[in-house]
Amino acid sequence: METPLLSIDETLDTAFDIFYEMAEDNLEYEDMLAYQERFDEEGAGVAVEAESDWEGHVAFEVDREVFVEIRIGLASGDILDDVLVRMLISRDPEQKFCHMLWKRTAD
């Protein structure tokens, strides 16, 4: 019997937990400060179908039935216009996997 996949809401909750645990060590100070200051009004997370570039980052074929891309950042209205992290995360509770691509400020 197959284990049911986590819902998108459950997956978003997991993604935010991981984000909060790792953001301070992976984001530029200014981005972290902006997120903390503006989260209540503009903070957002969205689940989208995994982009095609993930295979190159994780070196395996991504099953889009099991994996979802989560983007966390700051939004203007309904548009997430400052993406702080793109996260590929498994919805299978028995096959935990997460790979993150953090925003980097160009030098």
PDB file of N, CA and C in Angstrom:
ATOM      1  N   MET A   1       0.840  -1.187   0.000  1.00  0.00           N
ATOM      2  CA  MET A   1       0.000   0.000   0.000  1.00  0.00           C
ATOM      3  C   MET A   1       0.880   1.243   0.000  1.00  0.00           C
ATOM      4  N   GLU A   2       0.614   2.157  -0.918  1.00  0.00           N
ATOM      5  CA  GLU A   2       1.402   3.382  -1.016  1.00  0.00           C
ATOM      6  C   GLU A   2       1.035   4.352   0.089  1.00  0.00           C
ATOM      7  N   THR A   3       2.058   5.033   0.586  1.00  0.00           N
ATOM      8  CA  THR A   3       1.831   6.089   1.571  1.00  0.00           C
ATOM      9  C   THR A   3       1.278   7.304   0.840  1.00  0.00           C
ATOM     10  N   PRO A   4       0.199   7.912   1.342  1.00  0.00           N
ATOM     11  CA  PRO A   4      -0.334   9.104   0.671  1.00  0.00           C
ATOM     12  C   PRO A   4       0.671  10.261   0.753  1.00  0.00           C
ATOM     13  N   LEU A   5       0.704  11.064  -0.311  1.00  0.00           N
ATOM     14  CA  LEU A   5       1.585  12.233  -0.335  1.00  0.00           C
ATOM     15  C   LEU A   5       1.052  13.309   0.600  1.00  0.00           C
ATOM     16  N   LEU A   6       1.975  14.114   1.103  1.00  0.00           N
ATOM     17  CA  LEU A   6       1.581  15.260   1.920  1.00  0.00           C
ATOM     18  C   LEU A   6       0.801  16.244   1.056  1.00  0.00           C
ATOM     19  N   SER A   7      -0.126  16.952   1.661  1.00  0.00           N
ATOM     20  CA  SER A   7      -0.868  17.977   0.929  1.00  0.00           C
ATOM     21  C   SER A   7       0.076  19.144   0.623  1.00  0.00           C
ATOM     22  N   ILE A   8      -0.344  20.002  -0.273  1.00  0.00           N
ATOM     23  CA  ILE A   8       0.458  21.190  -0.583  1.00  0.00           C
ATOM     24  C   ILE A   8       0.601  22.062   0.670  1.00  0.00           C
ATOM     25  N   ASP A   9      -0.465  22.215   1.458  1.00  0.00           N
ATOM     26  CA  ASP A   9      -0.384  23.018   2.686  1.00  0.00           C
ATOM     27  C   ASP A   9       0.614  22.425   3.679  1.00  0.00           C
ATOM     28  N   GLU A  10       0.597  21.093   3.838  1.00  0.00           N
ATOM     29  CA  GLU A  10       1.559  20.441   4.735  1.00  0.00           C
ATOM     30  C   GLU A  10       2.987  20.627   4.227  1.00  0.00           C
ATOM     31  N   THR A  11       3.150  20.550   2.911  1.00  0.00           N
ATOM     32  CA  THR A  11       4.468  20.722   2.308  1.00  0.00           C
ATOM     33  C   THR A  11       4.947  22.159   2.482  1.00  0.00           C
ATOM     34  N   LEU A  12       4.051  23.131   2.329  1.00  0.00           N
ATOM     35  CA  LEU A  12       4.409  24.537   2.569  1.00  0.00           C
ATOM     36  C   LEU A  12       4.823  24.757   4.019  1.00  0.00           C
ATOM     37  N   ASP A  13       4.103  24.153   4.963  1.00  0.00           N
ATOM     38  CA  ASP A  13       4.467  24.275   6.381  1.00  0.00           C
ATOM     39  C   ASP A  13       5.875  23.735   6.626  1.00  0.00           C
ATOM     40  N   THR A  14       6.177  22.577   6.055  1.00  0.00           N
ATOM     41  CA  THR A  14       7.505  21.982   6.184  1.00  0.00           C
ATOM     42  C   THR A  14       8.556  22.896   5.573  1.00  0.00           C
ATOM     43  N   ALA A  15       8.254  23.440   4.396  1.00  0.00           N
ATOM     44  CA  ALA A  15       9.198  24.324   3.709  1.00  0.00           C
ATOM     45  C   ALA A  15       9.499  25.564   4.543  1.00  0.00           C
ATOM     46  N   PHE A  16       8.484  26.157   5.152  1.00  0.00           N
ATOM     47  CA  PHE A  16       8.714  27.330   5.999  1.00  0.00           C
ATOM     48  C   PHE A  16       9.555  26.965   7.222  1.00  0.00           C
ATOM     49  N   ASP A  17       9.317  25.801   7.810  1.00  0.00           N
ATOM     50  CA  ASP A  17      10.138  25.359   8.950  1.00  0.00           C
ATOM     51  C   ASP A  17      11.610  25.264   8.549  1.00  0.00           C
ATOM     52  N   ILE A  18      11.872  24.662   7.396  1.00  0.00           N
ATOM     53  CA  ILE A  18      13.246  24.521   6.908  1.00  0.00           C
ATOM     54  C   ILE A  18      13.833  25.899   6.595  1.00  0.00           C
ATOM     55  N   PHE A  19      13.046  26.748   5.945  1.00  0.00           N
ATOM     56  CA  PHE A  19      13.495  28.097   5.606  1.00  0.00           C
ATOM     57  C   PHE A  19      13.932  28.857   6.858  1.00  0.00           C
ATOM     58  N   TYR A  20      13.089  28.861   7.889  1.00  0.00           N
ATOM     59  CA  TYR A  20      13.411  29.613   9.102  1.00  0.00           C
ATOM     60  C   TYR A  20      14.654  29.060   9.799  1.00  0.00           C
ATOM     61  N   GLU A  21      14.847  27.761   9.721  1.00  0.00           N
ATOM     62  CA  GLU A  21      16.011  27.136  10.348  1.00  0.00           C
ATOM     63  C   GLU A  21      17.311  27.516   9.625  1.00  0.00           C
ATOM     64  N   MET A  22      17.244  27.713   8.308  1.00  0.00           N
ATOM     65  CA  MET A  22      18.463  27.889   7.520  1.00  0.00           C
ATOM     66  C   MET A  22      18.681  29.294   6.956  1.00  0.00           C
ATOM     67  N   ALA A  23      17.673  30.154   6.999  1.00  0.00           N
ATOM     68  CA  ALA A  23      17.754  31.454   6.323  1.00  0.00           C
ATOM     69  C   ALA A  23      18.895  32.327   6.836  1.00  0.00           C
ATOM     70  N   GLU A  24      19.069  32.401   8.121  1.00  0.00           N
ATOM     71  CA  GLU A  24      20.087  33.295   8.676  1.00  0.00           C
ATOM     72  C   GLU A  24      21.491  32.943   8.173  1.00  0.00           C
ATOM     73  N   ASP A  25      21.762  31.662   7.965  1.00  0.00           N
ATOM     74  CA  ASP A  25      23.076  31.223   7.502  1.00  0.00           C
ATOM     75  C   ASP A  25      23.238  31.292   5.983  1.00  0.00           C
ATOM     76  N   ASN A  26      22.148  31.508   5.247  1.00  0.00           N
ATOM     77  CA  ASN A  26      22.221  31.416   3.794  1.00  0.00           C
ATOM     78  C   ASN A  26      21.811  32.674   3.035  1.00  0.00           C
ATOM     79  N   LEU A  27      21.164  33.607   3.705  1.00  0.00           N
ATOM     80  CA  LEU A  27      20.762  34.845   3.047  1.00  0.00           C
ATOM     81  C   LEU A  27      21.711  35.974   3.416  1.00  0.00           C
ATOM     82  N   GLU A  28      21.827  36.938   2.506  1.00  0.00           N
ATOM     83  CA  GLU A  28      22.567  38.155   2.817  1.00  0.00           C
ATOM     84  C   GLU A  28      21.830  38.863   3.959  1.00  0.00           C
ATOM     85  N   TYR A  29      22.588  39.570   4.775  1.00  0.00           N
ATOM     86  CA  TYR A  29      22.015  40.252   5.942  1.00  0.00           C
ATOM     87  C   TYR A  29      20.864  41.177   5.532  1.00  0.00           C
ATOM     88  N   GLU A  30      21.041  41.942   4.457  1.00  0.00           N
ATOM     89  CA  GLU A  30      20.017  42.904   4.023  1.00  0.00           C
ATOM     90  C   GLU A  30      18.722  42.198   3.622  1.00  0.00           C
ATOM     91  N   ASP A  31      18.855  41.054   2.938  1.00  0.00           N
ATOM     92  CA  ASP A  31      17.661  40.297   2.540  1.00  0.00           C
ATOM     93  C   ASP A  31      16.942  39.725   3.758  1.00  0.00           C
ATOM     94  N   MET A  32      17.701  39.231   4.710  1.00  0.00           N
ATOM     95  CA  MET A  32      17.095  38.678   5.926  1.00  0.00           C
ATOM     96  C   MET A  32      16.373  39.778   6.706  1.00  0.00           C
ATOM     97  N   LEU A  33      17.011  40.932   6.828  1.00  0.00           N
ATOM     98  CA  LEU A  33      16.416  42.057   7.541  1.00  0.00           C
ATOM     99  C   LEU A  33      15.132  42.519   6.848  1.00  0.00           C
ATOM    100  N   ALA A  34      15.165  42.654   5.531  1.00  0.00           N
ATOM    101  CA  ALA A  34      13.982  43.078   4.778  1.00  0.00           C
ATOM    102  C   ALA A  34      12.842  42.083   4.966  1.00  0.00           C
ATOM    103  N   TYR A  35      13.163  40.781   4.923  1.00  0.00           N
ATOM    104  CA  TYR A  35      12.135  39.762   5.107  1.00  0.00           C
ATOM    105  C   TYR A  35      11.519  39.872   6.503  1.00  0.00           C
ATOM    106  N   GLN A  36      12.357  40.015   7.519  1.00  0.00           N
ATOM    107  CA  GLN A  36      11.845  40.107   8.886  1.00  0.00           C
ATOM    108  C   GLN A  36      10.977  41.348   9.074  1.00  0.00           C
ATOM    109  N   GLU A  37      11.385  42.459   8.499  1.00  0.00           N
ATOM    110  CA  GLU A  37      10.639  43.711   8.654  1.00  0.00           C
ATOM    111  C   GLU A  37       9.314  43.707   7.896  1.00  0.00           C
ATOM    112  N   ARG A  38       9.279  43.040   6.759  1.00  0.00           N
ATOM    113  CA  ARG A  38       8.120  43.126   5.875  1.00  0.00           C
ATOM    114  C   ARG A  38       7.278  41.858   5.835  1.00  0.00           C
ATOM    115  N   PHE A  39       7.645  40.828   6.603  1.00  0.00           N
ATOM    116  CA  PHE A  39       6.946  39.543   6.516  1.00  0.00           C
ATOM    117  C   PHE A  39       5.445  39.658   6.754  1.00  0.00           C
ATOM    118  N   ASP A  40       5.035  40.377   7.789  1.00  0.00           N
ATOM    119  CA  ASP A  40       3.608  40.430   8.127  1.00  0.00           C
ATOM    120  C   ASP A  40       2.743  40.916   6.969  1.00  0.00           C
ATOM    121  N   GLU A  41       3.225  41.889   6.209  1.00  0.00           N
ATOM    122  CA  GLU A  41       2.439  42.425   5.099  1.00  0.00           C
ATOM    123  C   GLU A  41       2.750  41.761   3.771  1.00  0.00           C
ATOM    124  N   GLU A  42       4.014  41.364   3.560  1.00  0.00           N
ATOM    125  CA  GLU A  42       4.424  40.951   2.224  1.00  0.00           C
ATOM    126  C   GLU A  42       5.022  39.548   2.141  1.00  0.00           C
ATOM    127  N   GLY A  43       5.255  38.883   3.263  1.00  0.00           N
ATOM    128  CA  GLY A  43       5.857  37.555   3.238  1.00  0.00           C
ATOM    129  C   GLY A  43       4.922  36.536   2.612  1.00  0.00           C
ATOM    130  N   ALA A  44       5.495  35.649   1.803  1.00  0.00           N
ATOM    131  CA  ALA A  44       4.650  34.670   1.114  1.00  0.00           C
ATOM    132  C   ALA A  44       5.454  33.430   0.732  1.00  0.00           C
ATOM    133  N   GLY A  45       4.732  32.356   0.558  1.00  0.00           N
ATOM    134  CA  GLY A  45       5.286  31.121   0.032  1.00  0.00           C
ATOM    135  C   GLY A  45       4.300  30.556  -0.960  1.00  0.00           C
ATOM    136  N   VAL A  46       4.807  30.083  -2.092  1.00  0.00           N
ATOM    137  CA  VAL A  46       3.935  29.500  -3.112  1.00  0.00           C
ATOM    138  C   VAL A  46       4.507  28.168  -3.560  1.00  0.00           C
ATOM    139  N   ALA A  47       3.617  27.275  -3.909  1.00  0.00           N
ATOM    140  CA  ALA A  47       4.000  25.986  -4.477  1.00  0.00           C
ATOM    141  C   ALA A  47       3.708  26.042  -5.966  1.00  0.00           C
ATOM    142  N   VAL A  48       4.702  25.639  -6.754  1.00  0.00           N
ATOM    143  CA  VAL A  48       4.546  25.609  -8.208  1.00  0.00           C
ATOM    144  C   VAL A  48       5.103  24.287  -8.721  1.00  0.00           C
ATOM    145  N   GLU A  49       4.783  23.967  -9.969  1.00  0.00           N
ATOM    146  CA  GLU A  49       5.393  22.776 -10.567  1.00  0.00           C
ATOM    147  C   GLU A  49       6.893  23.023 -10.672  1.00  0.00           C
ATOM    148  N   ALA A  50       7.668  22.003 -10.357  1.00  0.00           N
ATOM    149  CA  ALA A  50       9.127  22.121 -10.377  1.00  0.00           C
ATOM    150  C   ALA A  50       9.611  22.544 -11.759  1.00  0.00           C
ATOM    151  N   GLU A  51      10.445  23.578 -11.786  1.00  0.00           N
ATOM    152  CA  GLU A  51      11.033  24.069 -13.027  1.00  0.00           C
ATOM    153  C   GLU A  51      11.935  22.998 -13.640  1.00  0.00           C
ATOM    154  N   SER A  52      12.219  23.133 -14.922  1.00  0.00           N
ATOM    155  CA  SER A  52      13.009  22.129 -15.638  1.00  0.00           C
ATOM    156  C   SER A  52      14.481  22.135 -15.257  1.00  0.00           C
ATOM    157  N   ASP A  53      14.973  23.179 -14.593  1.00  0.00           N
ATOM    158  CA  ASP A  53      16.395  23.243 -14.240  1.00  0.00           C
ATOM    159  C   ASP A  53      16.771  22.384 -13.033  1.00  0.00           C
ATOM    160  N   TRP A  54      15.791  21.838 -12.333  1.00  0.00           N
ATOM    161  CA  TRP A  54      16.104  21.075 -11.113  1.00  0.00           C
ATOM    162  C   TRP A  54      16.941  19.833 -11.398  1.00  0.00           C
ATOM    163  N   GLU A  55      16.702  19.172 -12.516  1.00  0.00           N
ATOM    164  CA  GLU A  55      17.479  17.965 -12.824  1.00  0.00           C
ATOM    165  C   GLU A  55      18.976  18.262 -12.815  1.00  0.00           C
ATOM    166  N   GLY A  56      19.370  19.435 -13.299  1.00  0.00           N
ATOM    167  CA  GLY A  56      20.777  19.814 -13.305  1.00  0.00           C
ATOM    168  C   GLY A  56      21.330  20.096 -11.919  1.00  0.00           C
ATOM    169  N   HIS A  57      20.468  20.516 -11.001  1.00  0.00           N
ATOM    170  CA  HIS A  57      20.899  20.819  -9.633  1.00  0.00           C
ATOM    171  C   HIS A  57      20.976  19.580  -8.755  1.00  0.00           C
ATOM    172  N   VAL A  58      20.083  18.622  -8.987  1.00  0.00           N
ATOM    173  CA  VAL A  58      20.014  17.457  -8.093  1.00  0.00           C
ATOM    174  C   VAL A  58      20.526  16.168  -8.724  1.00  0.00           C
ATOM    175  N   ALA A  59      20.798  16.179 -10.019  1.00  0.00           N
ATOM    176  CA  ALA A  59      21.379  15.033 -10.727  1.00  0.00           C
ATOM    177  C   ALA A  59      20.515  13.764 -10.688  1.00  0.00           C
ATOM    178  N   PHE A  60      19.209  13.935 -10.708  1.00  0.00           N
ATOM    179  CA  PHE A  60      18.288  12.817 -10.909  1.00  0.00           C
ATOM    180  C   PHE A  60      17.036  13.349 -11.579  1.00  0.00           C
ATOM    181  N   GLU A  61      16.269  12.445 -12.174  1.00  0.00           N
ATOM    182  CA  GLU A  61      15.033  12.859 -12.826  1.00  0.00           C
ATOM    183  C   GLU A  61      13.975  13.151 -11.764  1.00  0.00           C
ATOM    184  N   VAL A  62      13.447  14.351 -11.801  1.00  0.00           N
ATOM    185  CA  VAL A  62      12.486  14.796 -10.798  1.00  0.00           C
ATOM    186  C   VAL A  62      11.079  14.342 -11.177  1.00  0.00           C
ATOM    187  N   ASP A  63      10.473  13.530 -10.322  1.00  0.00           N
ATOM    188  CA  ASP A  63       9.096  13.077 -10.505  1.00  0.00           C
ATOM    189  C   ASP A  63       8.177  14.190 -10.000  1.00  0.00           C
ATOM    190  N   ARG A  64       7.523  14.878 -10.927  1.00  0.00           N
ATOM    191  CA  ARG A  64       6.710  16.036 -10.549  1.00  0.00           C
ATOM    192  C   ARG A  64       5.390  15.655  -9.875  1.00  0.00           C
ATOM    193  N   GLU A  65       5.111  14.362  -9.778  1.00  0.00           N
ATOM    194  CA  GLU A  65       3.977  13.900  -8.974  1.00  0.00           C
ATOM    195  C   GLU A  65       4.367  13.905  -7.487  1.00  0.00           C
ATOM    196  N   VAL A  66       5.640  13.703  -7.214  1.00  0.00           N
ATOM    197  CA  VAL A  66       6.130  13.569  -5.838  1.00  0.00           C
ATOM    198  C   VAL A  66       6.805  14.852  -5.348  1.00  0.00           C
ATOM    199  N   PHE A  67       7.522  15.525  -6.249  1.00  0.00           N
ATOM    200  CA  PHE A  67       8.273  16.724  -5.863  1.00  0.00           C
ATOM    201  C   PHE A  67       7.544  17.977  -6.302  1.00  0.00           C
ATOM    202  N   VAL A  68       7.661  19.017  -5.476  1.00  0.00           N
ATOM    203  CA  VAL A  68       7.070  20.308  -5.786  1.00  0.00           C
ATOM    204  C   VAL A  68       8.125  21.375  -5.505  1.00  0.00           C
ATOM    205  N   GLU A  69       8.042  22.472  -6.242  1.00  0.00           N
ATOM    206  CA  GLU A  69       8.932  23.600  -5.985  1.00  0.00           C
ATOM    207  C   GLU A  69       8.196  24.593  -5.105  1.00  0.00           C
ATOM    208  N   ILE A  70       8.853  24.987  -4.026  1.00  0.00           N
ATOM    209  CA  ILE A  70       8.313  26.002  -3.128  1.00  0.00           C
ATOM    210  C   ILE A  70       9.188  27.245  -3.273  1.00  0.00           C
ATOM    211  N   ARG A  71       8.557  28.383  -3.436  1.00  0.00           N
ATOM    212  CA  ARG A  71       9.275  29.662  -3.479  1.00  0.00           C
ATOM    213  C   ARG A  71       8.825  30.489  -2.287  1.00  0.00           C
ATOM    214  N   ILE A  72       9.799  31.021  -1.559  1.00  0.00           N
ATOM    215  CA  ILE A  72       9.515  31.834  -0.371  1.00  0.00           C
ATOM    216  C   ILE A  72      10.187  33.182  -0.562  1.00  0.00           C
ATOM    217  N   GLY A  73       9.444  34.244  -0.243  1.00  0.00           N
ATOM    218  CA  GLY A  73      10.008  35.578  -0.381  1.00  0.00           C
ATOM    219  C   GLY A  73       8.998  36.648  -0.024  1.00  0.00           C
ATOM    220  N   LEU A  74       9.134  37.789  -0.701  1.00  0.00           N
ATOM    221  CA  LEU A  74       8.268  38.937  -0.464  1.00  0.00           C
ATOM    222  C   LEU A  74       7.423  39.198  -1.700  1.00  0.00           C
ATOM    223  N   ALA A  75       6.154  39.533  -1.474  1.00  0.00           N
ATOM    224  CA  ALA A  75       5.211  39.713  -2.575  1.00  0.00           C
ATOM    225  C   ALA A  75       4.680  41.137  -2.625  1.00  0.00           C
ATOM    226  N   SER A  76       4.331  41.540  -3.828  1.00  0.00           N
ATOM    227  CA  SER A  76       3.580  42.777  -4.058  1.00  0.00           C
ATOM    228  C   SER A  76       2.242  42.333  -4.625  1.00  0.00           C
ATOM    229  N   GLY A  77       1.189  42.502  -3.847  1.00  0.00           N
ATOM    230  CA  GLY A  77      -0.107  41.991  -4.291  1.00  0.00           C
ATOM    231  C   GLY A  77      -0.045  40.478  -4.384  1.00  0.00           C
ATOM    232  N   ASP A  78      -0.392  39.949  -5.550  1.00  0.00           N
ATOM    233  CA  ASP A  78      -0.407  38.495  -5.743  1.00  0.00           C
ATOM    234  C   ASP A  78       0.877  37.969  -6.393  1.00  0.00           C
ATOM    235  N   ILE A  79       1.877  38.834  -6.550  1.00  0.00           N
ATOM    236  CA  ILE A  79       3.096  38.435  -7.253  1.00  0.00           C
ATOM    237  C   ILE A  79       4.270  38.368  -6.297  1.00  0.00           C
ATOM    238  N   LEU A  80       4.931  37.206  -6.271  1.00  0.00           N
ATOM    239  CA  LEU A  80       6.128  37.013  -5.455  1.00  0.00           C
ATOM    240  C   LEU A  80       7.290  37.613  -6.240  1.00  0.00           C
ATOM    241  N   ASP A  81       7.655  38.873  -5.920  1.00  0.00           N
ATOM    242  CA  ASP A  81       8.637  39.572  -6.744  1.00  0.00           C
ATOM    243  C   ASP A  81      10.046  39.588  -6.158  1.00  0.00           C
ATOM    244  N   ASP A  82      10.237  39.101  -4.954  1.00  0.00           N
ATOM    245  CA  ASP A  82      11.576  38.988  -4.374  1.00  0.00           C
ATOM    246  C   ASP A  82      11.701  37.578  -3.796  1.00  0.00           C
ATOM    247  N   VAL A  83      12.139  36.646  -4.632  1.00  0.00           N
ATOM    248  CA  VAL A  83      12.245  35.242  -4.228  1.00  0.00           C
ATOM    249  C   VAL A  83      13.554  35.056  -3.461  1.00  0.00           C
ATOM    250  N   LEU A  84      13.441  34.664  -2.195  1.00  0.00           N
ATOM    251  CA  LEU A  84      14.620  34.471  -1.350  1.00  0.00           C
ATOM    252  C   LEU A  84      15.162  33.060  -1.450  1.00  0.00           C
ATOM    253  N   VAL A  85      14.286  32.106  -1.717  1.00  0.00           N
ATOM    254  CA  VAL A  85      14.740  30.722  -1.889  1.00  0.00           C
ATOM    255  C   VAL A  85      13.772  29.984  -2.801  1.00  0.00           C
ATOM    256  N   ARG A  86      14.351  29.138  -3.658  1.00  0.00           N
ATOM    257  CA  ARG A  86      13.596  28.136  -4.409  1.00  0.00           C
ATOM    258  C   ARG A  86      13.958  26.808  -3.777  1.00  0.00           C
ATOM    259  N   MET A  87      12.951  26.021  -3.490  1.00  0.00           N
ATOM    260  CA  MET A  87      13.156  24.772  -2.764  1.00  0.00           C
ATOM    261  C   MET A  87      12.469  23.634  -3.502  1.00  0.00           C
ATOM    262  N   LEU A  88      13.230  22.579  -3.787  1.00  0.00           N
ATOM    263  CA  LEU A  88      12.631  21.354  -4.333  1.00  0.00           C
ATOM    264  C   LEU A  88      12.424  20.433  -3.148  1.00  0.00           C
ATOM    265  N   ILE A  89      11.179  20.037  -2.932  1.00  0.00           N
ATOM    266  CA  ILE A  89      10.870  19.266  -1.733  1.00  0.00           C
ATOM    267  C   ILE A  89       9.956  18.090  -2.084  1.00  0.00           C
ATOM    268  N   SER A  90      10.213  16.970  -1.434  1.00  0.00           N
ATOM    269  CA  SER A  90       9.414  15.769  -1.657  1.00  0.00           C
ATOM    270  C   SER A  90       8.140  15.834  -0.823  1.00  0.00           C
ATOM    271  N   ARG A  91       7.043  15.406  -1.425  1.00  0.00           N
ATOM    272  CA  ARG A  91       5.778  15.322  -0.700  1.00  0.00           C
ATOM    273  C   ARG A  91       5.568  13.937  -0.107  1.00  0.00           C
ATOM    274  N   ASP A  92       6.519  13.022  -0.352  1.00  0.00           N
ATOM    275  CA  ASP A  92       6.438  11.662   0.178  1.00  0.00           C
ATOM    276  C   ASP A  92       7.002  11.663   1.603  1.00  0.00           C
ATOM    277  N   PRO A  93       6.161  11.410   2.610  1.00  0.00           N
ATOM    278  CA  PRO A  93       6.635  11.482   4.003  1.00  0.00           C
ATOM    279  C   PRO A  93       7.689  10.422   4.339  1.00  0.00           C
ATOM    280  N   GLU A  94       7.808   9.376   3.521  1.00  0.00           N
ATOM    281  CA  GLU A  94       8.795   8.328   3.792  1.00  0.00           C
ATOM    282  C   GLU A  94      10.096   8.552   3.014  1.00  0.00           C
ATOM    283  N   GLN A  95      10.088   9.469   2.061  1.00  0.00           N
ATOM    284  CA  GLN A  95      11.271   9.774   1.259  1.00  0.00           C
ATOM    285  C   GLN A  95      11.577  11.261   1.393  1.00  0.00           C
ATOM    286  N   LYS A  96      12.032  11.659   2.564  1.00  0.00           N
ATOM    287  CA  LYS A  96      12.295  13.078   2.816  1.00  0.00           C
ATOM    288  C   LYS A  96      13.458  13.550   1.945  1.00  0.00           C
ATOM    289  N   PHE A  97      13.238  14.686   1.270  1.00  0.00           N
ATOM    290  CA  PHE A  97      14.277  15.271   0.427  1.00  0.00           C
ATOM    291  C   PHE A  97      13.969  16.747   0.260  1.00  0.00           C
ATOM    292  N   CYS A  98      15.020  17.565   0.324  1.00  0.00           N
ATOM    293  CA  CYS A  98      14.876  18.995   0.095  1.00  0.00           C
ATOM    294  C   CYS A  98      16.197  19.529  -0.449  1.00  0.00           C
ATOM    295  N   HIS A  99      16.116  20.303  -1.519  1.00  0.00           N
ATOM    296  CA  HIS A  99      17.298  20.977  -2.072  1.00  0.00           C
ATOM    297  C   HIS A  99      16.921  22.440  -2.246  1.00  0.00           C
ATOM    298  N   MET A 100      17.805  23.335  -1.806  1.00  0.00           N
ATOM    299  CA  MET A 100      17.475  24.751  -1.788  1.00  0.00           C
ATOM    300  C   MET A 100      18.437  25.551  -2.654  1.00  0.00           C
ATOM    301  N   LEU A 101      17.878  26.531  -3.374  1.00  0.00           N
ATOM    302  CA  LEU A 101      18.666  27.486  -4.137  1.00  0.00           C
ATOM    303  C   LEU A 101      18.374  28.864  -3.534  1.00  0.00           C
ATOM    304  N   TRP A 102      19.338  29.414  -2.847  1.00  0.00           N
ATOM    305  CA  TRP A 102      19.181  30.677  -2.125  1.00  0.00           C
ATOM    306  C   TRP A 102      19.474  31.866  -3.030  1.00  0.00           C
ATOM    307  N   LYS A 103      18.786  32.953  -2.764  1.00  0.00           N
ATOM    308  CA  LYS A 103      19.059  34.212  -3.460  1.00  0.00           C
ATOM    309  C   LYS A 103      20.460  34.650  -3.078  1.00  0.00           C
ATOM    310  N   ARG A 104      21.215  35.086  -4.056  1.00  0.00           N
ATOM    311  CA  ARG A 104      22.548  35.625  -3.822  1.00  0.00           C
ATOM    312  C   ARG A 104      22.609  37.024  -4.395  1.00  0.00           C
ATOM    313  N   THR A 105      23.115  37.961  -3.630  1.00  0.00           N
ATOM    314  CA  THR A 105      23.282  39.326  -4.104  1.00  0.00           C
ATOM    315  C   THR A 105      24.520  39.382  -4.978  1.00  0.00           C
ATOM    316  N   ALA A 106      24.377  39.952  -6.160  1.00  0.00           N
ATOM    317  CA  ALA A 106      25.526  40.056  -7.066  1.00  0.00           C
ATOM    318  C   ALA A 106      26.552  41.033  -6.480  1.00  0.00           C
ATOM    319  N   ASP A 107      27.810  40.631  -6.555  1.00  0.00           N
ATOM    320  CA  ASP A 107      28.885  41.496  -6.047  1.00  0.00           C
ATOM    321  C   ASP A 107      29.274  42.542  -7.078  1.00  0.00           C
TER     322      ASP A 107
END
